[in-house]
N, C-alpha and C. Protein backbone atom coordinates (compact mmCIF):
# COMPACT_ATOMS: atom_id res chain seq x y z
N MET A 1 3.93 40.71 7.72
CA MET A 1 3.38 39.63 7.90
C MET A 1 3.20 38.16 8.68
N LYS A 2 3.95 38.26 9.81
CA LYS A 2 3.39 37.69 10.57
C LYS A 2 2.98 37.99 11.47
N THR A 3 2.68 39.74 12.14
CA THR A 3 1.58 40.66 12.48
C THR A 3 0.69 40.44 11.84
N LEU A 4 1.01 41.02 10.05
CA LEU A 4 -0.46 41.15 10.21
C LEU A 4 -1.97 39.50 10.16
N PHE A 5 -0.79 38.49 10.23
CA PHE A 5 -1.24 37.00 10.10
C PHE A 5 -1.81 36.91 12.20
N ALA A 6 -1.79 37.78 12.55
CA ALA A 6 -1.00 37.49 14.20
C ALA A 6 -2.62 38.60 14.13
N LEU A 7 -2.69 39.58 13.44
CA LEU A 7 -3.68 40.36 13.95
C LEU A 7 -5.01 39.47 13.61
N GLY A 8 -5.00 39.19 12.32
CA GLY A 8 -6.17 38.37 11.39
C GLY A 8 -6.84 37.01 12.80
N VAL A 9 -5.62 36.39 13.86
CA VAL A 9 -6.14 35.45 14.01
C VAL A 9 -6.49 35.96 15.03
N TRP A 10 -6.49 37.20 15.71
CA TRP A 10 -7.24 37.38 16.98
C TRP A 10 -8.34 38.56 16.95
N CYS A 11 -8.76 39.16 14.92
CA CYS A 11 -9.73 39.36 14.60
C CYS A 11 -11.20 38.12 14.96
N LEU A 12 -10.38 37.30 13.90
CA LEU A 12 -11.14 36.18 14.35
C LEU A 12 -11.24 35.34 15.90
N LEU A 13 -10.68 36.07 16.81
CA LEU A 13 -10.85 35.23 17.38
C LEU A 13 -11.84 36.23 18.29
N LEU A 14 -11.37 37.42 18.30
CA LEU A 14 -12.56 38.24 18.83
C LEU A 14 -13.79 37.85 18.27
N VAL A 15 -14.73 37.74 17.30
CA VAL A 15 -15.24 37.42 16.25
C VAL A 15 -15.92 35.86 17.22
N LEU A 16 -15.54 35.39 17.38
CA LEU A 16 -15.83 33.75 17.72
C LEU A 16 -15.75 34.08 18.77
N CYS A 17 -14.97 34.58 19.33
CA CYS A 17 -14.97 34.82 21.49
C CYS A 17 -14.44 35.40 22.16
N TRP A 18 -15.12 36.71 22.24
CA TRP A 18 -14.35 37.94 22.70
C TRP A 18 -13.91 37.66 23.57
N PRO A 19 -14.25 37.27 24.95
CA PRO A 19 -13.97 36.93 25.96
C PRO A 19 -12.32 36.06 25.83
N LEU A 20 -12.42 35.72 25.39
CA LEU A 20 -11.31 34.95 24.92
C LEU A 20 -10.28 35.99 24.20
N ALA A 21 -10.82 36.19 23.37
CA ALA A 21 -9.59 37.25 22.91
C ALA A 21 -9.43 39.00 23.76
N ILE A 22 -10.63 38.89 24.20
CA ILE A 22 -9.17 39.74 25.29
C ILE A 22 -9.04 39.58 26.36
N LEU A 23 -9.04 38.82 27.05
CA LEU A 23 -8.04 37.84 27.82
C LEU A 23 -6.96 37.69 26.80
N ALA A 24 -6.36 37.31 25.92
CA ALA A 24 -5.59 37.21 25.24
C ALA A 24 -4.74 38.52 25.01
N LEU A 25 -5.59 39.03 25.18
CA LEU A 25 -4.68 40.79 24.54
C LEU A 25 -3.65 41.49 25.99
N LEU A 26 -4.77 41.10 27.27
CA LEU A 26 -4.26 41.33 28.21
C LEU A 26 -3.38 40.67 28.82
N ALA A 27 -3.16 39.62 28.11
CA ALA A 27 -2.06 38.36 29.72
C ALA A 27 -0.18 38.92 28.14
N TRP A 28 -1.19 39.33 27.02
CA TRP A 28 0.07 39.01 26.15
C TRP A 28 1.28 39.94 26.82
N PRO A 29 1.33 41.17 27.11
CA PRO A 29 2.74 41.50 27.93
C PRO A 29 2.99 40.83 28.70
N LEU A 30 1.99 40.27 29.87
CA LEU A 30 2.47 39.05 31.41
C LEU A 30 3.70 37.92 30.46
N VAL A 31 2.86 37.54 29.24
CA VAL A 31 3.43 36.59 28.79
C VAL A 31 4.71 36.72 28.27
N TRP A 32 4.88 37.62 27.57
CA TRP A 32 6.08 38.81 27.01
C TRP A 32 7.25 38.88 28.30
N LEU A 33 6.55 39.24 29.26
CA LEU A 33 7.55 40.01 30.79
C LEU A 33 8.03 38.39 30.95
N VAL A 34 7.21 37.25 31.27
CA VAL A 34 7.66 35.96 31.52
C VAL A 34 8.96 35.24 30.68
N SER A 35 8.60 35.15 29.32
CA SER A 35 9.56 35.00 28.47
C SER A 35 10.94 35.69 28.20
N LEU A 36 10.82 36.65 28.58
CA LEU A 36 12.23 37.92 28.56
C LEU A 36 13.72 37.02 29.32
N PRO A 37 13.78 36.74 29.93
CA PRO A 37 14.73 35.74 30.72
C PRO A 37 15.31 34.84 29.68
N PHE A 38 13.91 33.85 29.61
CA PHE A 38 14.35 32.94 28.37
C PHE A 38 15.55 32.80 27.10
N ARG A 39 14.84 34.22 26.49
CA ARG A 39 15.14 35.07 25.28
C ARG A 39 17.23 35.17 25.73
N LEU A 40 17.14 36.08 27.18
CA LEU A 40 18.35 36.77 27.75
C LEU A 40 19.39 35.12 27.44
N VAL A 41 19.12 34.06 28.12
CA VAL A 41 19.56 33.13 28.60
C VAL A 41 20.10 32.30 26.67
N GLY A 42 18.83 32.44 25.99
CA GLY A 42 18.96 31.42 24.91
C GLY A 42 20.63 32.88 24.10
N ILE A 43 20.32 34.33 24.25
CA ILE A 43 21.24 34.58 23.72
C ILE A 43 22.82 34.37 23.90
N THR A 44 22.84 34.74 25.02
CA THR A 44 24.34 33.97 26.21
C THR A 44 24.29 33.19 26.08
N PHE A 45 23.74 31.88 25.52
CA PHE A 45 24.03 30.56 25.00
C PHE A 45 24.78 30.45 23.87
N SER A 46 23.58 31.25 23.23
CA SER A 46 24.31 31.50 21.15
C SER A 46 25.58 32.32 21.10
N ALA A 47 25.88 32.87 22.44
CA ALA A 47 27.25 33.76 22.35
C ALA A 47 28.04 33.13 22.45
N LEU A 48 27.92 32.06 23.87
CA LEU A 48 29.06 31.47 24.43
C LEU A 48 29.19 30.25 23.36
N PHE A 49 28.38 29.71 22.79
CA PHE A 49 29.55 28.92 21.59
C PHE A 49 29.80 29.13 20.71
N ALA A 50 29.79 30.49 19.73
CA ALA A 50 30.25 31.04 19.54
C ALA A 50 31.81 31.25 19.84
N PHE A 51 32.00 32.01 20.75
CA PHE A 51 32.85 32.16 21.11
C PHE A 51 33.81 30.35 21.12
N LEU A 52 33.22 29.51 22.22
CA LEU A 52 33.66 28.02 21.43
C LEU A 52 34.34 27.68 20.88
N ARG A 53 33.13 27.89 19.73
CA ARG A 53 33.83 27.77 18.29
C ARG A 53 34.77 28.15 17.28
N ALA A 54 35.05 29.96 17.42
CA ALA A 54 36.09 30.15 17.07
C ALA A 54 37.58 30.21 18.11
N LEU A 55 37.31 29.63 19.15
CA LEU A 55 38.24 29.45 19.96
C LEU A 55 38.85 28.30 19.50
N LEU A 56 38.17 27.19 19.27
CA LEU A 56 38.54 25.60 18.85
C LEU A 56 39.18 26.17 17.68
N MET A 57 38.22 26.56 16.58
CA MET A 57 38.69 26.92 15.36
C MET A 57 40.18 27.82 15.42
N LEU A 58 40.80 28.67 16.19
CA LEU A 58 41.53 29.54 16.20
C LEU A 58 43.07 28.59 15.51
N PRO A 59 42.88 27.60 15.83
CA PRO A 59 45.22 26.83 15.80
C PRO A 59 44.06 26.55 14.36
N ALA A 60 43.21 25.75 13.15
CA ALA A 60 43.29 25.75 12.12
C ALA A 60 43.03 26.92 11.26
N ARG A 61 42.53 28.01 11.40
CA ARG A 61 42.17 29.56 11.09
C ARG A 61 43.78 29.92 10.75
N LEU A 62 44.93 29.44 12.21
CA LEU A 62 46.25 30.11 11.89
C LEU A 62 46.95 29.51 10.82
N LEU A 63 46.68 28.38 11.09
CA LEU A 63 48.08 27.31 10.03
C LEU A 63 47.27 27.35 8.90
N GLY A 64 45.76 28.07 8.53
CA GLY A 64 45.56 28.09 7.07
C GLY A 64 44.79 26.74 6.50
N GLY A 65 44.03 26.53 7.09
CA GLY A 65 43.34 25.60 6.95
C GLY A 65 41.70 26.15 6.04
N GLY A 66 40.53 25.37 5.97
CA GLY A 66 40.41 25.99 4.27
C GLY A 66 39.06 26.35 4.91
N GLY A 67 39.06 27.31 5.85
CA GLY A 67 38.09 27.32 6.24
C GLY A 67 37.61 28.94 5.63
N ARG A 68 36.66 29.53 5.86
CA ARG A 68 36.61 30.78 5.39
C ARG A 68 37.37 31.88 5.97
N PRO A 69 37.45 33.27 4.92
CA PRO A 69 38.48 34.18 5.06
C PRO A 69 37.86 35.03 6.64
N LEU A 70 38.97 35.33 7.48
CA LEU A 70 38.93 36.42 8.06
C LEU A 70 38.18 37.80 6.67
N ALA A 71 37.29 38.61 7.89
CA ALA A 71 36.34 39.61 7.62
C ALA A 71 37.98 40.58 7.51
N ALA A 72 37.63 40.89 6.35
CA ALA A 72 38.89 42.85 5.87
C ALA A 72 38.41 43.90 6.35
């Protein structure tokens, strides 16, 4: 659905201002390449925070705190 919406917006932009639509089409791979390191940093920090949360909650889970059950 998101892709269909983006395609519709691009087609509308193509009708209204075709040079800008062509520029957007050509610039999209460059924007994706620039944003890739930020995505990797986000994934790394997400994993780090999940690890820290699991580490801090470990004593409570071992003592039988009212958390979610361990995966079987």
